[in-house]
Amino acid sequence: MYELARKGIEVERQPVKIKIYDLKFLEYTHPILKIRVRSSSGTYIRALADDIGKALGTGAYLEELRRTKIDGYDVKDARKLEELTPETWHKFAIDITPK
């Protein structure tokens, strides 16, 4: 869906049940609203931005998205590129083999 959205192609989406566990308004500097969302898998954040804009009667779109956590992975555990050398990369490797 995001690839089509980037090309400006709009596709009718079927509603999907999702859960929003937490939604925080972090900052508002007209016209930019920054939020943090903790949601279930399958949440289409671009659609959430559109829904928020419709609810506010203003319209909205997603300008930037940063995933900070997915499954057992958290950005706080990320390493700087400089830390990954031929001698050290193996210390940071994570087994992603399906269980």
Protein backbone atom coordinates (compact mmCIF):
# COMPACT_ATOMS: atom_id res chain seq x y z
CA MET A 1 0.00 0.00 0.00
CA TYR A 2 2.75 2.47 0.86
CA GLU A 3 4.38 1.97 -2.55
CA LEU A 4 1.10 2.87 -4.25
CA ALA A 5 0.61 5.82 -1.90
CA ARG A 6 4.05 7.15 -2.83
CA LYS A 7 3.04 6.98 -6.50
CA GLY A 8 -0.15 8.90 -5.74
CA ILE A 9 -2.34 5.89 -6.51
CA GLU A 10 -5.29 5.62 -4.15
CA VAL A 11 -6.70 2.16 -3.50
CA GLU A 12 -9.96 1.51 -1.69
CA ARG A 13 -9.07 -0.25 1.55
CA GLN A 14 -11.29 -2.70 3.34
CA PRO A 15 -11.78 -1.90 7.03
CA VAL A 16 -9.58 -3.96 9.35
CA LYS A 17 -10.03 -4.28 13.11
CA ILE A 18 -7.02 -2.85 14.92
CA LYS A 19 -6.29 -1.74 18.45
CA ILE A 20 -4.81 1.58 19.44
CA TYR A 21 -3.26 0.95 22.86
CA ASP A 22 -1.84 4.42 23.30
CA LEU A 23 -2.00 7.65 21.32
CA LYS A 24 -0.15 10.69 22.62
CA PHE A 25 -0.09 14.18 21.19
CA LEU A 26 3.56 15.21 21.55
CA GLU A 27 3.79 18.59 19.87
CA TYR A 28 1.78 20.98 17.75
CA THR A 29 3.35 23.77 15.73
CA HIS A 30 0.90 24.89 13.07
CA PRO A 31 0.37 23.03 10.79
CA ILE A 32 2.41 20.08 12.10
CA LEU A 33 1.00 17.72 14.74
CA LYS A 34 3.38 15.12 16.16
CA ILE A 35 1.92 12.03 17.79
CA ARG A 36 3.16 8.73 19.22
CA VAL A 37 1.06 5.64 18.60
CA ARG A 38 1.26 2.19 20.15
CA SER A 39 -0.98 -0.10 18.13
CA SER A 40 -1.69 -3.65 17.10
CA SER A 41 -0.15 -5.29 14.08
CA GLY A 42 -1.88 -4.34 10.84
CA THR A 43 -2.37 -0.69 11.75
CA TYR A 44 -1.94 1.48 8.67
CA ILE A 45 -0.59 4.69 10.18
CA ARG A 46 -1.23 6.73 7.01
CA ALA A 47 -4.91 5.80 7.30
CA LEU A 48 -4.87 6.76 10.98
CA ALA A 49 -3.49 10.21 10.07
CA ASP A 50 -6.26 10.58 7.49
CA ASP A 51 -8.89 9.52 10.05
CA ILE A 52 -7.59 12.03 12.61
CA GLY A 53 -7.73 14.81 10.00
CA LYS A 54 -11.30 13.87 9.09
CA ALA A 55 -12.32 13.80 12.77
CA LEU A 56 -10.82 17.28 13.24
CA GLY A 57 -12.51 18.53 10.08
CA THR A 58 -9.20 19.74 8.66
CA GLY A 59 -7.78 16.91 6.58
CA ALA A 60 -4.36 15.41 7.29
CA TYR A 61 -1.63 13.31 5.82
CA LEU A 62 1.44 11.53 7.10
CA GLU A 63 4.65 13.45 6.49
CA GLU A 64 7.04 11.25 8.47
CA LEU A 65 6.92 7.84 10.10
CA ARG A 66 9.48 6.35 12.46
CA ARG A 67 9.01 2.86 13.82
CA THR A 68 10.49 2.60 17.30
CA LYS A 69 9.31 -0.89 18.17
CA ILE A 70 8.03 -3.93 16.31
CA ASP A 71 7.64 -7.43 17.73
CA GLY A 72 10.64 -7.95 20.03
CA TYR A 73 12.79 -5.30 18.34
CA ASP A 74 13.20 -1.83 19.82
CA VAL A 75 15.08 1.13 18.38
CA LYS A 76 16.68 1.67 21.80
CA ASP A 77 18.65 -1.54 21.13
CA ALA A 78 19.92 -0.27 17.77
CA ARG A 79 23.64 0.23 17.22
CA LYS A 80 25.48 3.02 15.48
CA LEU A 81 27.03 2.08 12.17
CA GLU A 82 30.49 2.90 13.53
CA GLU A 83 30.06 0.10 16.09
CA LEU A 84 29.63 -2.53 13.37
CA THR A 85 33.09 -3.47 12.25
CA PRO A 86 34.33 -6.76 10.78
CA GLU A 87 35.58 -7.58 14.29
CA THR A 88 32.47 -6.59 16.30
CA TRP A 89 29.34 -7.16 14.14
CA HIS A 90 28.83 -10.70 15.45
CA LYS A 91 28.31 -9.36 19.01
CA PHE A 92 25.23 -7.50 17.78
CA ALA A 93 23.80 -10.11 15.40
CA ILE A 94 20.26 -11.26 16.16
CA ASP A 95 18.88 -14.66 15.17
CA ILE A 96 15.80 -14.01 13.01
CA THR A 97 15.20 -17.64 12.10
CA PRO A 98 11.44 -18.37 12.35
CA LYS A 99 10.65 -20.52 15.35
